[in-house]
């Protein structure tokens, strides 16, 4: 029996913790998504070749792939409705279960 991750896990969880965003694919039509999970300062830890660690704080957005009109691409835009801030997608990391983590960049 296969698990419907989107219906049984992601939908209820993101409905509880999510915020409304407007997702605009590059060259496409904006889509309102009611339940994306945004974090202004996610920590990204990297280990350099010399053994030193570096930490970067960047905004990220967790989103259900079923909410998107097409797979996310670099340079797509996301507006966080409650703050009005707009971000650009820098990297897209799917988890294989219907969720994708978008690493974002702030816009000028």
C-alpha atoms as a PDB file:
ATOM      1  CA  UNK A   1       0.000   0.000   0.000  1.00  0.00           C
ATOM      2  CA  UNK A   2       1.420   3.363  -0.975  1.00  0.00           C
ATOM      3  CA  UNK A   3       1.072   6.451   1.181  1.00  0.00           C
ATOM      4  CA  UNK A   4      -0.540   9.580  -0.258  1.00  0.00           C
ATOM      5  CA  UNK A   5       1.997  11.978   1.287  1.00  0.00           C
ATOM      6  CA  UNK A   6       0.325  15.092  -0.094  1.00  0.00           C
ATOM      7  CA  UNK A   7      -3.160  14.293   1.201  1.00  0.00           C
ATOM      8  CA  UNK A   8      -2.332  12.571   4.496  1.00  0.00           C
ATOM      9  CA  UNK A   9       0.824  14.345   5.674  1.00  0.00           C
ATOM     10  CA  UNK A  10       1.816  17.466   3.758  1.00  0.00           C
ATOM     11  CA  UNK A  11      -1.639  19.019   3.307  1.00  0.00           C
ATOM     12  CA  UNK A  12      -2.675  18.940   6.982  1.00  0.00           C
ATOM     13  CA  UNK A  13       0.768  19.910   8.290  1.00  0.00           C
ATOM     14  CA  UNK A  14       1.292  22.813   5.923  1.00  0.00           C
ATOM     15  CA  UNK A  15      -2.305  23.920   6.418  1.00  0.00           C
ATOM     16  CA  UNK A  16      -1.511  24.286  10.118  1.00  0.00           C
ATOM     17  CA  UNK A  17       1.896  25.986   9.849  1.00  0.00           C
ATOM     18  CA  UNK A  18       1.743  27.617   6.412  1.00  0.00           C
ATOM     19  CA  UNK A  19       1.327  31.192   5.273  1.00  0.00           C
ATOM     20  CA  UNK A  20      -0.146  32.591   2.082  1.00  0.00           C
ATOM     21  CA  UNK A  21       2.323  33.335  -0.716  1.00  0.00           C
ATOM     22  CA  UNK A  22       2.033  34.444  -4.309  1.00  0.00           C
ATOM     23  CA  UNK A  23       4.244  32.304  -6.517  1.00  0.00           C
ATOM     24  CA  UNK A  24       5.130  33.650  -9.956  1.00  0.00           C
ATOM     25  CA  UNK A  25       6.939  31.338 -12.368  1.00  0.00           C
ATOM     26  CA  UNK A  26       9.421  33.119 -14.604  1.00  0.00           C
ATOM     27  CA  UNK A  27       7.360  34.436 -17.515  1.00  0.00           C
ATOM     28  CA  UNK A  28       4.193  32.871 -16.079  1.00  0.00           C
ATOM     29  CA  UNK A  29       0.999  33.756 -14.289  1.00  0.00           C
ATOM     30  CA  UNK A  30       1.024  34.351 -10.500  1.00  0.00           C
ATOM     31  CA  UNK A  31      -0.569  31.633  -8.341  1.00  0.00           C
ATOM     32  CA  UNK A  32      -1.780  32.174  -4.771  1.00  0.00           C
ATOM     33  CA  UNK A  33      -0.746  29.339  -2.461  1.00  0.00           C
ATOM     34  CA  UNK A  34      -2.410  29.381   0.978  1.00  0.00           C
ATOM     35  CA  UNK A  35      -0.088  27.042   2.859  1.00  0.00           C
ATOM     36  CA  UNK A  36       3.621  27.508   2.163  1.00  0.00           C
ATOM     37  CA  UNK A  37       6.001  27.424   5.130  1.00  0.00           C
ATOM     38  CA  UNK A  38       8.423  30.366   5.134  1.00  0.00           C
ATOM     39  CA  UNK A  39      11.536  30.818   7.276  1.00  0.00           C
ATOM     40  CA  UNK A  40      13.354  34.157   7.058  1.00  0.00           C
ATOM     41  CA  UNK A  41      16.681  32.844   8.383  1.00  0.00           C
ATOM     42  CA  UNK A  42      17.276  29.176   7.775  1.00  0.00           C
ATOM     43  CA  UNK A  43      20.800  28.087   8.691  1.00  0.00           C
ATOM     44  CA  UNK A  44      22.934  26.513   5.979  1.00  0.00           C
ATOM     45  CA  UNK A  45      26.087  24.882   7.377  1.00  0.00           C
ATOM     46  CA  UNK A  46      28.996  24.000   5.085  1.00  0.00           C
ATOM     47  CA  UNK A  47      32.283  22.233   5.733  1.00  0.00           C
ATOM     48  CA  UNK A  48      35.237  23.673   3.783  1.00  0.00           C
ATOM     49  CA  UNK A  49      38.160  21.603   2.446  1.00  0.00           C
ATOM     50  CA  UNK A  50      40.379  22.725   5.324  1.00  0.00           C
ATOM     51  CA  UNK A  51      37.868  21.485   7.915  1.00  0.00           C
ATOM     52  CA  UNK A  52      36.481  24.915   8.760  1.00  0.00           C
ATOM     53  CA  UNK A  53      32.725  25.366   8.912  1.00  0.00           C
ATOM     54  CA  UNK A  54      30.829  28.314   7.564  1.00  0.00           C
ATOM     55  CA  UNK A  55      27.288  29.286   8.390  1.00  0.00           C
ATOM     56  CA  UNK A  56      24.962  31.268   6.153  1.00  0.00           C
ATOM     57  CA  UNK A  57      21.484  32.428   7.020  1.00  0.00           C
ATOM     58  CA  UNK A  58      19.127  32.544   4.071  1.00  0.00           C
ATOM     59  CA  UNK A  59      15.373  32.614   3.568  1.00  0.00           C
ATOM     60  CA  UNK A  60      13.692  29.352   2.532  1.00  0.00           C
ATOM     61  CA  UNK A  61      10.193  28.309   1.551  1.00  0.00           C
ATOM     62  CA  UNK A  62       8.694  24.850   1.927  1.00  0.00           C
ATOM     63  CA  UNK A  63       5.928  24.183  -0.565  1.00  0.00           C
ATOM     64  CA  UNK A  64       3.853  21.266  -1.823  1.00  0.00           C
ATOM     65  CA  UNK A  65       4.659  20.451  -5.441  1.00  0.00           C
ATOM     66  CA  UNK A  66       0.941  19.879  -6.096  1.00  0.00           C
ATOM     67  CA  UNK A  67       0.338  23.602  -5.378  1.00  0.00           C
ATOM     68  CA  UNK A  68       2.663  24.675  -8.202  1.00  0.00           C
ATOM     69  CA  UNK A  69       1.642  24.958 -11.864  1.00  0.00           C
ATOM     70  CA  UNK A  70       5.041  23.581 -12.963  1.00  0.00           C
ATOM     71  CA  UNK A  71       8.271  22.461 -11.281  1.00  0.00           C
ATOM     72  CA  UNK A  72       9.984  25.437  -9.619  1.00  0.00           C
ATOM     73  CA  UNK A  73      12.842  27.028 -11.522  1.00  0.00           C
ATOM     74  CA  UNK A  74      15.672  29.359 -10.657  1.00  0.00           C
ATOM     75  CA  UNK A  75      14.531  33.018 -10.963  1.00  0.00           C
ATOM     76  CA  UNK A  76      10.859  32.294 -10.172  1.00  0.00           C
ATOM     77  CA  UNK A  77       9.503  34.837  -7.665  1.00  0.00           C
ATOM     78  CA  UNK A  78       7.715  34.448  -4.346  1.00  0.00           C
ATOM     79  CA  UNK A  79       5.866  37.159  -2.436  1.00  0.00           C
ATOM     80  CA  UNK A  80       5.098  36.570   1.244  1.00  0.00           C
ATOM     81  CA  UNK A  81       1.610  38.064   1.571  1.00  0.00           C
ATOM     82  CA  UNK A  82       1.739  39.049   5.266  1.00  0.00           C
ATOM     83  CA  UNK A  83       4.996  41.030   4.868  1.00  0.00           C
ATOM     84  CA  UNK A  84       4.829  41.993   1.194  1.00  0.00           C
ATOM     85  CA  UNK A  85       8.484  40.958   0.728  1.00  0.00           C
ATOM     86  CA  UNK A  86       9.468  39.466  -2.620  1.00  0.00           C
ATOM     87  CA  UNK A  87      12.150  36.810  -3.049  1.00  0.00           C
ATOM     88  CA  UNK A  88      13.762  35.059  -6.012  1.00  0.00           C
ATOM     89  CA  UNK A  89      14.206  31.276  -6.149  1.00  0.00           C
ATOM     90  CA  UNK A  90      17.911  30.445  -6.008  1.00  0.00           C
ATOM     91  CA  UNK A  91      17.686  26.664  -5.719  1.00  0.00           C
ATOM     92  CA  UNK A  92      14.976  24.021  -5.636  1.00  0.00           C
ATOM     93  CA  UNK A  93      15.400  20.842  -3.559  1.00  0.00           C
ATOM     94  CA  UNK A  94      12.587  18.270  -3.949  1.00  0.00           C
ATOM     95  CA  UNK A  95      12.232  15.554  -1.290  1.00  0.00           C
ATOM     96  CA  UNK A  96      10.670  12.874  -3.513  1.00  0.00           C
ATOM     97  CA  UNK A  97       7.421  12.803  -1.483  1.00  0.00           C
ATOM     98  CA  UNK A  98       5.617  15.828  -2.910  1.00  0.00           C
ATOM     99  CA  UNK A  99       7.419  18.611  -1.042  1.00  0.00           C
ATOM    100  CA  UNK A 100      10.101  20.973  -2.287  1.00  0.00           C
ATOM    101  CA  UNK A 101      12.390  23.293  -0.329  1.00  0.00           C
ATOM    102  CA  UNK A 102      13.138  26.529  -2.160  1.00  0.00           C
ATOM    103  CA  UNK A 103      16.272  28.395  -1.187  1.00  0.00           C
ATOM    104  CA  UNK A 104      15.564  32.062  -1.782  1.00  0.00           C
ATOM    105  CA  UNK A 105      17.404  35.339  -2.347  1.00  0.00           C
ATOM    106  CA  UNK A 106      16.098  38.750  -1.381  1.00  0.00           C
ATOM    107  CA  UNK A 107      15.344  41.197  -4.157  1.00  0.00           C
ATOM    108  CA  UNK A 108      16.819  44.694  -4.359  1.00  0.00           C
END
